[in-house]
Amino acid sequence: IDVQDKLKGQKGLNSAFEIVMQIVSFQMY
């Protein structure tokens, strides 16, 4: 059961929290 989401594009990276989440998610995907 996988609740991982896809990496966001530029328009979805609008806050420090979203950027940290994106970095943490690199290895996941």
mmCIF file of all heavy atoms, coordinates in Angstrom:
data_MODEL
# 
_entry.id   MODEL 
# 
loop_
_atom_site.group_PDB 
_atom_site.id 
_atom_site.type_symbol 
_atom_site.label_atom_id 
_atom_site.label_alt_id 
_atom_site.label_comp_id 
_atom_site.label_asym_id 
_atom_site.label_entity_id 
_atom_site.label_seq_id 
_atom_site.pdbx_PDB_ins_code 
_atom_site.Cartn_x 
_atom_site.Cartn_y 
_atom_site.Cartn_z 
_atom_site.occupancy 
_atom_site.B_iso_or_equiv 
_atom_site.pdbx_formal_charge 
_atom_site.auth_seq_id 
_atom_site.auth_comp_id 
_atom_site.auth_asym_id 
_atom_site.auth_atom_id 
_atom_site.pdbx_PDB_model_num 
ATOM 1   N N   . ILE A 1 1  ? 0.881  -1.179 0.000   1.00 0.00 ? 1  ILE A N   1 
ATOM 2   C CA  . ILE A 1 1  ? 0.000  0.000  0.000   1.00 0.00 ? 1  ILE A CA  1 
ATOM 3   C C   . ILE A 1 1  ? 0.912  1.220  0.000   1.00 0.00 ? 1  ILE A C   1 
ATOM 4   O O   . ILE A 1 1  ? 1.636  1.480  0.962   1.00 0.00 ? 1  ILE A O   1 
ATOM 5   C CB  . ILE A 1 1  ? -0.941 -0.001 1.215   1.00 0.00 ? 1  ILE A CB  1 
ATOM 6   C CG1 . ILE A 1 1  ? -1.743 -1.301 1.262   1.00 0.00 ? 1  ILE A CG1 1 
ATOM 7   C CG2 . ILE A 1 1  ? -1.879 1.211  1.154   1.00 0.00 ? 1  ILE A CG2 1 
ATOM 8   C CD1 . ILE A 1 1  ? -2.579 -1.475 2.493   1.00 0.00 ? 1  ILE A CD1 1 
ATOM 9   N N   . ASP A 1 2  ? 0.852  1.952  -1.079  1.00 0.00 ? 2  ASP A N   1 
ATOM 10  C CA  . ASP A 1 2  ? 1.807  3.030  -1.335  1.00 0.00 ? 2  ASP A CA  1 
ATOM 11  C C   . ASP A 1 2  ? 1.068  4.368  -1.363  1.00 0.00 ? 2  ASP A C   1 
ATOM 12  O O   . ASP A 1 2  ? 0.207  4.590  -2.217  1.00 0.00 ? 2  ASP A O   1 
ATOM 13  C CB  . ASP A 1 2  ? 2.488  2.768  -2.679  1.00 0.00 ? 2  ASP A CB  1 
ATOM 14  C CG  . ASP A 1 2  ? 3.571  3.784  -2.994  1.00 0.00 ? 2  ASP A CG  1 
ATOM 15  O OD1 . ASP A 1 2  ? 3.887  4.597  -2.106  1.00 0.00 ? 2  ASP A OD1 1 
ATOM 16  O OD2 . ASP A 1 2  ? 4.087  3.759  -4.126  1.00 0.00 ? 2  ASP A OD2 1 
ATOM 17  N N   . VAL A 1 3  ? 1.407  5.267  -0.427  1.00 0.00 ? 3  VAL A N   1 
ATOM 18  C CA  . VAL A 1 3  ? 0.763  6.590  -0.392  1.00 0.00 ? 3  VAL A CA  1 
ATOM 19  C C   . VAL A 1 3  ? 1.732  7.681  -0.818  1.00 0.00 ? 3  VAL A C   1 
ATOM 20  O O   . VAL A 1 3  ? 1.503  8.861  -0.577  1.00 0.00 ? 3  VAL A O   1 
ATOM 21  C CB  . VAL A 1 3  ? 0.192  6.896  1.016   1.00 0.00 ? 3  VAL A CB  1 
ATOM 22  C CG1 . VAL A 1 3  ? -0.907 5.918  1.368   1.00 0.00 ? 3  VAL A CG1 1 
ATOM 23  C CG2 . VAL A 1 3  ? 1.287  6.878  2.074   1.00 0.00 ? 3  VAL A CG2 1 
ATOM 24  N N   . GLN A 1 4  ? 2.814  7.288  -1.477  1.00 0.00 ? 4  GLN A N   1 
ATOM 25  C CA  . GLN A 1 4  ? 3.746  8.286  -2.007  1.00 0.00 ? 4  GLN A CA  1 
ATOM 26  C C   . GLN A 1 4  ? 3.094  9.010  -3.182  1.00 0.00 ? 4  GLN A C   1 
ATOM 27  O O   . GLN A 1 4  ? 2.351  8.422  -3.961  1.00 0.00 ? 4  GLN A O   1 
ATOM 28  C CB  . GLN A 1 4  ? 5.031  7.615  -2.484  1.00 0.00 ? 4  GLN A CB  1 
ATOM 29  C CG  . GLN A 1 4  ? 5.771  6.871  -1.387  1.00 0.00 ? 4  GLN A CG  1 
ATOM 30  C CD  . GLN A 1 4  ? 6.956  6.099  -1.931  1.00 0.00 ? 4  GLN A CD  1 
ATOM 31  O OE1 . GLN A 1 4  ? 8.085  6.487  -1.712  1.00 0.00 ? 4  GLN A OE1 1 
ATOM 32  N NE2 . GLN A 1 4  ? 6.706  5.024  -2.639  1.00 0.00 ? 4  GLN A NE2 1 
ATOM 33  N N   . ASP A 1 5  ? 3.417  10.282 -3.304  1.00 0.00 ? 5  ASP A N   1 
ATOM 34  C CA  . ASP A 1 5  ? 2.901  11.073 -4.409  1.00 0.00 ? 5  ASP A CA  1 
ATOM 35  C C   . ASP A 1 5  ? 4.028  11.351 -5.397  1.00 0.00 ? 5  ASP A C   1 
ATOM 36  O O   . ASP A 1 5  ? 5.192  11.043 -5.138  1.00 0.00 ? 5  ASP A O   1 
ATOM 37  C CB  . ASP A 1 5  ? 2.301  12.380 -3.879  1.00 0.00 ? 5  ASP A CB  1 
ATOM 38  C CG  . ASP A 1 5  ? 1.194  12.897 -4.782  1.00 0.00 ? 5  ASP A CG  1 
ATOM 39  O OD1 . ASP A 1 5  ? 1.024  12.347 -5.879  1.00 0.00 ? 5  ASP A OD1 1 
ATOM 40  O OD2 . ASP A 1 5  ? 0.508  13.856 -4.378  1.00 0.00 ? 5  ASP A OD2 1 
ATOM 41  N N   . LYS A 1 6  ? 3.686  11.948 -6.495  1.00 0.00 ? 6  LYS A N   1 
ATOM 42  C CA  . LYS A 1 6  ? 4.680  12.267 -7.509  1.00 0.00 ? 6  LYS A CA  1 
ATOM 43  C C   . LYS A 1 6  ? 5.462  13.518 -7.109  1.00 0.00 ? 6  LYS A C   1 
ATOM 44  O O   . LYS A 1 6  ? 5.004  14.328 -6.316  1.00 0.00 ? 6  LYS A O   1 
ATOM 45  C CB  . LYS A 1 6  ? 4.002  12.493 -8.859  1.00 0.00 ? 6  LYS A CB  1 
ATOM 46  C CG  . LYS A 1 6  ? 3.299  11.263 -9.417  1.00 0.00 ? 6  LYS A CG  1 
ATOM 47  C CD  . LYS A 1 6  ? 2.645  11.590 -10.748 1.00 0.00 ? 6  LYS A CD  1 
ATOM 48  C CE  . LYS A 1 6  ? 1.927  10.369 -11.316 1.00 0.00 ? 6  LYS A CE  1 
ATOM 49  N NZ  . LYS A 1 6  ? 1.269  10.672 -12.613 1.00 0.00 ? 6  LYS A NZ  1 
ATOM 50  N N   . LEU A 1 7  ? 6.651  13.661 -7.694  1.00 0.00 ? 7  LEU A N   1 
ATOM 51  C CA  . LEU A 1 7  ? 7.423  14.890 -7.491  1.00 0.00 ? 7  LEU A CA  1 
ATOM 52  C C   . LEU A 1 7  ? 6.678  16.069 -8.108  1.00 0.00 ? 7  LEU A C   1 
ATOM 53  O O   . LEU A 1 7  ? 6.018  15.943 -9.138  1.00 0.00 ? 7  LEU A O   1 
ATOM 54  C CB  . LEU A 1 7  ? 8.805  14.756 -8.134  1.00 0.00 ? 7  LEU A CB  1 
ATOM 55  C CG  . LEU A 1 7  ? 9.767  13.763 -7.474  1.00 0.00 ? 7  LEU A CG  1 
ATOM 56  C CD1 . LEU A 1 7  ? 11.011 13.578 -8.326  1.00 0.00 ? 7  LEU A CD1 1 
ATOM 57  C CD2 . LEU A 1 7  ? 10.148 14.215 -6.074  1.00 0.00 ? 7  LEU A CD2 1 
ATOM 58  N N   . LYS A 1 8  ? 6.794  17.225 -7.467  1.00 0.00 ? 8  LYS A N   1 
ATOM 59  C CA  . LYS A 1 8  ? 6.081  18.414 -7.921  1.00 0.00 ? 8  LYS A CA  1 
ATOM 60  C C   . LYS A 1 8  ? 6.868  19.143 -9.008  1.00 0.00 ? 8  LYS A C   1 
ATOM 61  O O   . LYS A 1 8  ? 8.101  19.079 -9.060  1.00 0.00 ? 8  LYS A O   1 
ATOM 62  C CB  . LYS A 1 8  ? 5.832  19.372 -6.746  1.00 0.00 ? 8  LYS A CB  1 
ATOM 63  C CG  . LYS A 1 8  ? 4.911  18.817 -5.678  1.00 0.00 ? 8  LYS A CG  1 
ATOM 64  C CD  . LYS A 1 8  ? 4.709  19.839 -4.573  1.00 0.00 ? 8  LYS A CD  1 
ATOM 65  C CE  . LYS A 1 8  ? 3.804  19.296 -3.473  1.00 0.00 ? 8  LYS A CE  1 
ATOM 66  N NZ  . LYS A 1 8  ? 2.432  19.102 -3.958  1.00 0.00 ? 8  LYS A NZ  1 
ATOM 67  N N   . GLY A 1 9  ? 6.142  19.859 -9.861  1.00 0.00 ? 9  GLY A N   1 
ATOM 68  C CA  . GLY A 1 9  ? 6.771  20.731 -10.833 1.00 0.00 ? 9  GLY A CA  1 
ATOM 69  C C   . GLY A 1 9  ? 7.072  22.083 -10.220 1.00 0.00 ? 9  GLY A C   1 
ATOM 70  O O   . GLY A 1 9  ? 6.818  22.325 -9.030  1.00 0.00 ? 9  GLY A O   1 
ATOM 71  N N   . GLN A 1 10 ? 7.618  22.990 -11.021 1.00 0.00 ? 10 GLN A N   1 
ATOM 72  C CA  . GLN A 1 10 ? 8.000  24.306 -10.496 1.00 0.00 ? 10 GLN A CA  1 
ATOM 73  C C   . GLN A 1 10 ? 6.840  25.034 -9.828  1.00 0.00 ? 10 GLN A C   1 
ATOM 74  O O   . GLN A 1 10 ? 7.006  25.686 -8.799  1.00 0.00 ? 10 GLN A O   1 
ATOM 75  C CB  . GLN A 1 10 ? 8.546  25.173 -11.641 1.00 0.00 ? 10 GLN A CB  1 
ATOM 76  C CG  . GLN A 1 10 ? 9.930  24.768 -12.116 1.00 0.00 ? 10 GLN A CG  1 
ATOM 77  C CD  . GLN A 1 10 ? 10.491 25.745 -13.120 1.00 0.00 ? 10 GLN A CD  1 
ATOM 78  O OE1 . GLN A 1 10 ? 10.007 26.874 -13.217 1.00 0.00 ? 10 GLN A OE1 1 
ATOM 79  N NE2 . GLN A 1 10 ? 11.502 25.333 -13.865 1.00 0.00 ? 10 GLN A NE2 1 
ATOM 80  N N   . LYS A 1 11 ? 5.656  24.929 -10.414 1.00 0.00 ? 11 LYS A N   1 
ATOM 81  C CA  . LYS A 1 11 ? 4.515  25.669 -9.883  1.00 0.00 ? 11 LYS A CA  1 
ATOM 82  C C   . LYS A 1 11 ? 4.088  25.159 -8.511  1.00 0.00 ? 11 LYS A C   1 
ATOM 83  O O   . LYS A 1 11 ? 3.405  25.873 -7.773  1.00 0.00 ? 11 LYS A O   1 
ATOM 84  C CB  . LYS A 1 11 ? 3.340  25.573 -10.850 1.00 0.00 ? 11 LYS A CB  1 
ATOM 85  C CG  . LYS A 1 11 ? 3.598  26.287 -12.177 1.00 0.00 ? 11 LYS A CG  1 
ATOM 86  C CD  . LYS A 1 11 ? 2.384  26.214 -13.092 1.00 0.00 ? 11 LYS A CD  1 
ATOM 87  C CE  . LYS A 1 11 ? 2.646  26.952 -14.390 1.00 0.00 ? 11 LYS A CE  1 
ATOM 88  N NZ  . LYS A 1 11 ? 1.477  26.890 -15.312 1.00 0.00 ? 11 LYS A NZ  1 
ATOM 89  N N   . GLY A 1 12 ? 4.477  23.945 -8.183  1.00 0.00 ? 12 GLY A N   1 
ATOM 90  C CA  . GLY A 1 12 ? 4.089  23.389 -6.887  1.00 0.00 ? 12 GLY A CA  1 
ATOM 91  C C   . GLY A 1 12 ? 5.096  23.628 -5.790  1.00 0.00 ? 12 GLY A C   1 
ATOM 92  O O   . GLY A 1 12 ? 4.897  23.211 -4.645  1.00 0.00 ? 12 GLY A O   1 
ATOM 93  N N   . LEU A 1 13 ? 6.205  24.297 -6.118  1.00 0.00 ? 13 LEU A N   1 
ATOM 94  C CA  . LEU A 1 13 ? 7.270  24.530 -5.135  1.00 0.00 ? 13 LEU A CA  1 
ATOM 95  C C   . LEU A 1 13 ? 7.268  25.994 -4.729  1.00 0.00 ? 13 LEU A C   1 
ATOM 96  O O   . LEU A 1 13 ? 8.128  26.788 -5.138  1.00 0.00 ? 13 LEU A O   1 
ATOM 97  C CB  . LEU A 1 13 ? 8.621  24.119 -5.724  1.00 0.00 ? 13 LEU A CB  1 
ATOM 98  C CG  . LEU A 1 13 ? 8.726  22.650 -6.173  1.00 0.00 ? 13 LEU A CG  1 
ATOM 99  C CD1 . LEU A 1 13 ? 10.044 22.390 -6.879  1.00 0.00 ? 13 LEU A CD1 1 
ATOM 100 C CD2 . LEU A 1 13 ? 8.555  21.724 -4.980  1.00 0.00 ? 13 LEU A CD2 1 
ATOM 101 N N   . ASN A 1 14 ? 6.298  26.349 -3.898  1.00 0.00 ? 14 ASN A N   1 
ATOM 102 C CA  . ASN A 1 14 ? 6.085  27.756 -3.555  1.00 0.00 ? 14 ASN A CA  1 
ATOM 103 C C   . ASN A 1 14 ? 6.403  28.100 -2.112  1.00 0.00 ? 14 ASN A C   1 
ATOM 104 O O   . ASN A 1 14 ? 6.149  29.220 -1.674  1.00 0.00 ? 14 ASN A O   1 
ATOM 105 C CB  . ASN A 1 14 ? 4.629  28.138 -3.845  1.00 0.00 ? 14 ASN A CB  1 
ATOM 106 C CG  . ASN A 1 14 ? 4.269  27.941 -5.309  1.00 0.00 ? 14 ASN A CG  1 
ATOM 107 O OD1 . ASN A 1 14 ? 5.031  28.317 -6.188  1.00 0.00 ? 14 ASN A OD1 1 
ATOM 108 N ND2 . ASN A 1 14 ? 3.116  27.331 -5.564  1.00 0.00 ? 14 ASN A ND2 1 
ATOM 109 N N   . SER A 1 15 ? 6.921  27.153 -1.353  1.00 0.00 ? 15 SER A N   1 
ATOM 110 C CA  . SER A 1 15 ? 7.233  27.428 0.048   1.00 0.00 ? 15 SER A CA  1 
ATOM 111 C C   . SER A 1 15 ? 8.436  26.608 0.470   1.00 0.00 ? 15 SER A C   1 
ATOM 112 O O   . SER A 1 15 ? 8.810  25.620 -0.182  1.00 0.00 ? 15 SER A O   1 
ATOM 113 C CB  . SER A 1 15 ? 6.034  27.081 0.948   1.00 0.00 ? 15 SER A CB  1 
ATOM 114 O OG  . SER A 1 15 ? 5.821  25.685 0.984   1.00 0.00 ? 15 SER A OG  1 
ATOM 115 N N   . ALA A 1 16 ? 9.052  27.033 1.579   1.00 0.00 ? 16 ALA A N   1 
ATOM 116 C CA  . ALA A 1 16 ? 10.214 26.309 2.108   1.00 0.00 ? 16 ALA A CA  1 
ATOM 117 C C   . ALA A 1 16 ? 9.844  24.876 2.449   1.00 0.00 ? 16 ALA A C   1 
ATOM 118 O O   . ALA A 1 16 ? 10.617 23.938 2.205   1.00 0.00 ? 16 ALA A O   1 
ATOM 119 C CB  . ALA A 1 16 ? 10.762 27.034 3.338   1.00 0.00 ? 16 ALA A CB  1 
ATOM 120 N N   . PHE A 1 17 ? 8.646  24.680 3.016   1.00 0.00 ? 17 PHE A N   1 
ATOM 121 C CA  . PHE A 1 17 ? 8.215  23.332 3.393   1.00 0.00 ? 17 PHE A CA  1 
ATOM 122 C C   . PHE A 1 17 ? 8.096  22.443 2.158   1.00 0.00 ? 17 PHE A C   1 
ATOM 123 O O   . PHE A 1 17 ? 8.527  21.283 2.161   1.00 0.00 ? 17 PHE A O   1 
ATOM 124 C CB  . PHE A 1 17 ? 6.876  23.406 4.127   1.00 0.00 ? 17 PHE A CB  1 
ATOM 125 C CG  . PHE A 1 17 ? 6.333  22.068 4.538   1.00 0.00 ? 17 PHE A CG  1 
ATOM 126 C CD1 . PHE A 1 17 ? 6.874  21.387 5.609   1.00 0.00 ? 17 PHE A CD1 1 
ATOM 127 C CD2 . PHE A 1 17 ? 5.289  21.481 3.828   1.00 0.00 ? 17 PHE A CD2 1 
ATOM 128 C CE1 . PHE A 1 17 ? 6.392  20.146 5.978   1.00 0.00 ? 17 PHE A CE1 1 
ATOM 129 C CE2 . PHE A 1 17 ? 4.800  20.250 4.198   1.00 0.00 ? 17 PHE A CE2 1 
ATOM 130 C CZ  . PHE A 1 17 ? 5.349  19.578 5.275   1.00 0.00 ? 17 PHE A CZ  1 
ATOM 131 N N   . GLU A 1 18 ? 7.510  22.967 1.066   1.00 0.00 ? 18 GLU A N   1 
ATOM 132 C CA  . GLU A 1 18 ? 7.350  22.173 -0.151  1.00 0.00 ? 18 GLU A CA  1 
ATOM 133 C C   . GLU A 1 18 ? 8.700  21.821 -0.765  1.00 0.00 ? 18 GLU A C   1 
ATOM 134 O O   . GLU A 1 18 ? 8.890  20.725 -1.305  1.00 0.00 ? 18 GLU A O   1 
ATOM 135 C CB  . GLU A 1 18 ? 6.480  22.938 -1.147  1.00 0.00 ? 18 GLU A CB  1 
ATOM 136 C CG  . GLU A 1 18 ? 5.018  23.036 -0.727  1.00 0.00 ? 18 GLU A CG  1 
ATOM 137 C CD  . GLU A 1 18 ? 4.221  23.987 -1.596  1.00 0.00 ? 18 GLU A CD  1 
ATOM 138 O OE1 . GLU A 1 18 ? 4.861  24.855 -2.248  1.00 0.00 ? 18 GLU A OE1 1 
ATOM 139 O OE2 . GLU A 1 18 ? 2.987  23.877 -1.625  1.00 0.00 ? 18 GLU A OE2 1 
ATOM 140 N N   . ILE A 1 19 ? 9.659  22.752 -0.679  1.00 0.00 ? 19 ILE A N   1 
ATOM 141 C CA  . ILE A 1 19 ? 10.989 22.476 -1.209  1.00 0.00 ? 19 ILE A CA  1 
ATOM 142 C C   . ILE A 1 19 ? 11.684 21.385 -0.399  1.00 0.00 ? 19 ILE A C   1 
ATOM 143 O O   . ILE A 1 19 ? 12.311 20.472 -0.958  1.00 0.00 ? 19 ILE A O   1 
ATOM 144 C CB  . ILE A 1 19 ? 11.833 23.771 -1.229  1.00 0.00 ? 19 ILE A CB  1 
ATOM 145 C CG1 . ILE A 1 19 ? 11.246 24.744 -2.259  1.00 0.00 ? 19 ILE A CG1 1 
ATOM 146 C CG2 . ILE A 1 19 ? 13.296 23.465 -1.548  1.00 0.00 ? 19 ILE A CG2 1 
ATOM 147 C CD1 . ILE A 1 19 ? 11.879 26.123 -2.230  1.00 0.00 ? 19 ILE A CD1 1 
ATOM 148 N N   . VAL A 1 20 ? 11.587 21.467 0.941   1.00 0.00 ? 20 VAL A N   1 
ATOM 149 C CA  . VAL A 1 20 ? 12.172 20.417 1.790   1.00 0.00 ? 20 VAL A CA  1 
ATOM 150 C C   . VAL A 1 20 ? 11.535 19.076 1.476   1.00 0.00 ? 20 VAL A C   1 
ATOM 151 O O   . VAL A 1 20 ? 12.220 18.048 1.356   1.00 0.00 ? 20 VAL A O   1 
ATOM 152 C CB  . VAL A 1 20 ? 11.997 20.775 3.283   1.00 0.00 ? 20 VAL A CB  1 
ATOM 153 C CG1 . VAL A 1 20 ? 12.377 19.583 4.155   1.00 0.00 ? 20 VAL A CG1 1 
ATOM 154 C CG2 . VAL A 1 20 ? 12.849 21.979 3.650   1.00 0.00 ? 20 VAL A CG2 1 
ATOM 155 N N   . MET A 1 21 ? 10.217 19.051 1.322   1.00 0.00 ? 21 MET A N   1 
ATOM 156 C CA  . MET A 1 21 ? 9.518  17.811 0.984   1.00 0.00 ? 21 MET A CA  1 
ATOM 157 C C   . MET A 1 21 ? 10.019 17.250 -0.341  1.00 0.00 ? 21 MET A C   1 
ATOM 158 O O   . MET A 1 21 ? 10.205 16.032 -0.493  1.00 0.00 ? 21 MET A O   1 
ATOM 159 C CB  . MET A 1 21 ? 8.018  18.062 0.905   1.00 0.00 ? 21 MET A CB  1 
ATOM 160 C CG  . MET A 1 21 ? 7.306  18.032 2.234   1.00 0.00 ? 21 MET A CG  1 
ATOM 161 S SD  . MET A 1 21 ? 7.448  16.425 3.032   1.00 0.00 ? 21 MET A SD  1 
ATOM 162 C CE  . MET A 1 21 ? 6.782  15.355 1.773   1.00 0.00 ? 21 MET A CE  1 
ATOM 163 N N   . GLN A 1 22 ? 10.234 18.120 -1.311  1.00 0.00 ? 22 GLN A N   1 
ATOM 164 C CA  . GLN A 1 22 ? 10.715 17.675 -2.622  1.00 0.00 ? 22 GLN A CA  1 
ATOM 165 C C   . GLN A 1 22 ? 12.094 17.034 -2.506  1.00 0.00 ? 22 GLN A C   1 
ATOM 166 O O   . GLN A 1 22 ? 12.355 15.973 -3.087  1.00 0.00 ? 22 GLN A O   1 
ATOM 167 C CB  . GLN A 1 22 ? 10.759 18.861 -3.582  1.00 0.00 ? 22 GLN A CB  1 
ATOM 168 C CG  . GLN A 1 22 ? 11.130 18.508 -5.007  1.00 0.00 ? 22 GLN A CG  1 
ATOM 169 C CD  . GLN A 1 22 ? 9.927  18.152 -5.850  1.00 0.00 ? 22 GLN A CD  1 
ATOM 170 O OE1 . GLN A 1 22 ? 8.895  17.733 -5.320  1.00 0.00 ? 22 GLN A OE1 1 
ATOM 171 N NE2 . GLN A 1 22 ? 10.059 18.301 -7.156  1.00 0.00 ? 22 GLN A NE2 1 
ATOM 172 N N   . ILE A 1 23 ? 12.977 17.674 -1.728  1.00 0.00 ? 23 ILE A N   1 
ATOM 173 C CA  . ILE A 1 23 ? 14.330 17.140 -1.562  1.00 0.00 ? 23 ILE A CA  1 
ATOM 174 C C   . ILE A 1 23 ? 14.292 15.788 -0.869  1.00 0.00 ? 23 ILE A C   1 
ATOM 175 O O   . ILE A 1 23 ? 14.966 14.838 -1.287  1.00 0.00 ? 23 ILE A O   1 
ATOM 176 C CB  . ILE A 1 23 ? 15.200 18.140 -0.766  1.00 0.00 ? 23 ILE A CB  1 
ATOM 177 C CG1 . ILE A 1 23 ? 15.388 19.429 -1.576  1.00 0.00 ? 23 ILE A CG1 1 
ATOM 178 C CG2 . ILE A 1 23 ? 16.546 17.527 -0.406  1.00 0.00 ? 23 ILE A CG2 1 
ATOM 179 C CD1 . ILE A 1 23 ? 16.042 20.559 -0.799  1.00 0.00 ? 23 ILE A CD1 1 
ATOM 180 N N   . VAL A 1 24 ? 13.498 15.694 0.195   1.00 0.00 ? 24 VAL A N   1 
ATOM 181 C CA  . VAL A 1 24 ? 13.379 14.431 0.922   1.00 0.00 ? 24 VAL A CA  1 
ATOM 182 C C   . VAL A 1 24 ? 12.822 13.342 0.021   1.00 0.00 ? 24 VAL A C   1 
ATOM 183 O O   . VAL A 1 24 ? 13.131 12.152 0.174   1.00 0.00 ? 24 VAL A O   1 
ATOM 184 C CB  . VAL A 1 24 ? 12.479 14.627 2.166   1.00 0.00 ? 24 VAL A CB  1 
ATOM 185 C CG1 . VAL A 1 24 ? 12.163 13.297 2.827   1.00 0.00 ? 24 VAL A CG1 1 
ATOM 186 C CG2 . VAL A 1 24 ? 13.165 15.549 3.165   1.00 0.00 ? 24 VAL A CG2 1 
ATOM 187 N N   . SER A 1 25 ? 12.012 13.715 -0.962  1.00 0.00 ? 25 SER A N   1 
ATOM 188 C CA  . SER A 1 25 ? 11.315 12.741 -1.802  1.00 0.00 ? 25 SER A CA  1 
ATOM 189 C C   . SER A 1 25 ? 12.160 12.213 -2.953  1.00 0.00 ? 25 SER A C   1 
ATOM 190 O O   . SER A 1 25 ? 11.765 11.240 -3.602  1.00 0.00 ? 25 SER A O   1 
ATOM 191 C CB  . SER A 1 25 ? 10.035 13.365 -2.366  1.00 0.00 ? 25 SER A CB  1 
ATOM 192 O OG  . SER A 1 25 ? 9.170  13.775 -1.328  1.00 0.00 ? 25 SER A OG  1 
ATOM 193 N N   . PHE A 1 26 ? 13.307 12.830 -3.244  1.00 0.00 ? 26 PHE A N   1 
ATOM 194 C CA  . PHE A 1 26 ? 14.104 12.392 -4.386  1.00 0.00 ? 26 PHE A CA  1 
ATOM 195 C C   . PHE A 1 26 ? 14.390 10.891 -4.331  1.00 0.00 ? 26 PHE A C   1 
ATOM 196 O O   . PHE A 1 26 ? 14.182 10.155 -5.296  1.00 0.00 ? 26 PHE A O   1 
ATOM 197 C CB  . PHE A 1 26 ? 15.426 13.160 -4.441  1.00 0.00 ? 26 PHE A CB  1 
ATOM 198 C CG  . PHE A 1 26 ? 15.280 14.599 -4.870  1.00 0.00 ? 26 PHE A CG  1 
ATOM 199 C CD1 . PHE A 1 26 ? 16.232 15.547 -4.516  1.00 0.00 ? 26 PHE A CD1 1 
ATOM 200 C CD2 . PHE A 1 26 ? 14.191 15.005 -5.625  1.00 0.00 ? 26 PHE A CD2 1 
ATOM 201 C CE1 . PHE A 1 26 ? 16.102 16.865 -4.910  1.00 0.00 ? 26 PHE A CE1 1 
ATOM 202 C CE2 . PHE A 1 26 ? 14.054 16.335 -6.021  1.00 0.00 ? 26 PHE A CE2 1 
ATOM 203 C CZ  . PHE A 1 26 ? 15.010 17.261 -5.658  1.00 0.00 ? 26 PHE A CZ  1 
ATOM 204 N N   . GLN A 1 27 ? 14.912 10.431 -3.185  1.00 0.00 ? 27 GLN A N   1 
ATOM 205 C CA  . GLN A 1 27 ? 15.281 9.025  -3.054  1.00 0.00 ? 27 GLN A CA  1 
ATOM 206 C C   . GLN A 1 27 ? 14.057 8.125  -3.125  1.00 0.00 ? 27 GLN A C   1 
ATOM 207 O O   . GLN A 1 27 ? 14.117 7.021  -3.657  1.00 0.00 ? 27 GLN A O   1 
ATOM 208 C CB  . GLN A 1 27 ? 16.029 8.801  -1.727  1.00 0.00 ? 27 GLN A CB  1 
ATOM 209 C CG  . GLN A 1 27 ? 16.411 7.354  -1.445  1.00 0.00 ? 27 GLN A CG  1 
ATOM 210 C CD  . GLN A 1 27 ? 17.406 6.812  -2.448  1.00 0.00 ? 27 GLN A CD  1 
ATOM 211 O OE1 . GLN A 1 27 ? 18.224 7.565  -2.980  1.00 0.00 ? 27 GLN A OE1 1 
ATOM 212 N NE2 . GLN A 1 27 ? 17.354 5.522  -2.728  1.00 0.00 ? 27 GLN A NE2 1 
ATOM 213 N N   . MET A 1 28 ? 12.934 8.629  -2.599  1.00 0.00 ? 28 MET A N   1 
ATOM 214 C CA  . MET A 1 28 ? 11.724 7.808  -2.571  1.00 0.00 ? 28 MET A CA  1 
ATOM 215 C C   . MET A 1 28 ? 11.309 7.382  -3.977  1.00 0.00 ? 28 MET A C   1 
ATOM 216 O O   . MET A 1 28 ? 10.900 6.242  -4.217  1.00 0.00 ? 28 MET A O   1 
ATOM 217 C CB  . MET A 1 28 ? 10.569 8.586  -1.926  1.00 0.00 ? 28 MET A CB  1 
ATOM 218 C CG  . MET A 1 28 ? 10.776 8.984  -0.495  1.00 0.00 ? 28 MET A CG  1 
ATOM 219 S SD  . MET A 1 28 ? 9.315  9.861  0.136   1.00 0.00 ? 28 MET A SD  1 
ATOM 220 C CE  . MET A 1 28 ? 9.912  10.441 1.708   1.00 0.00 ? 28 MET A CE  1 
ATOM 221 N N   . TYR A 1 29 ? 11.414 8.316  -4.927  1.00 0.00 ? 29 TYR A N   1 
ATOM 222 C CA  . TYR A 1 29 ? 10.880 8.050  -6.255  1.00 0.00 ? 29 TYR A CA  1 
ATOM 223 C C   . TYR A 1 29 ? 11.909 7.462  -7.209  1.00 0.00 ? 29 TYR A C   1 
ATOM 224 O O   . TYR A 1 29 ? 11.565 7.018  -8.295  1.00 0.00 ? 29 TYR A O   1 
ATOM 225 C CB  . TYR A 1 29 ? 10.289 9.341  -6.828  1.00 0.00 ? 29 TYR A CB  1 
ATOM 226 C CG  . TYR A 1 29 ? 9.229  9.902  -5.919  1.00 0.00 ? 29 TYR A CG  1 
ATOM 227 C CD1 . TYR A 1 29 ? 9.401  11.125 -5.282  1.00 0.00 ? 29 TYR A CD1 1 
ATOM 228 C CD2 . TYR A 1 29 ? 8.079  9.168  -5.631  1.00 0.00 ? 29 TYR A CD2 1 
ATOM 229 C CE1 . TYR A 1 29 ? 8.446  11.619 -4.411  1.00 0.00 ? 29 TYR A CE1 1 
ATOM 230 C CE2 . TYR A 1 29 ? 7.126  9.656  -4.762  1.00 0.00 ? 29 TYR A CE2 1 
ATOM 231 C CZ  . TYR A 1 29 ? 7.315  10.882 -4.148  1.00 0.00 ? 29 TYR A CZ  1 
ATOM 232 O OH  . TYR A 1 29 ? 6.376  11.362 -3.274  1.00 0.00 ? 29 TYR A OH  1 
# 
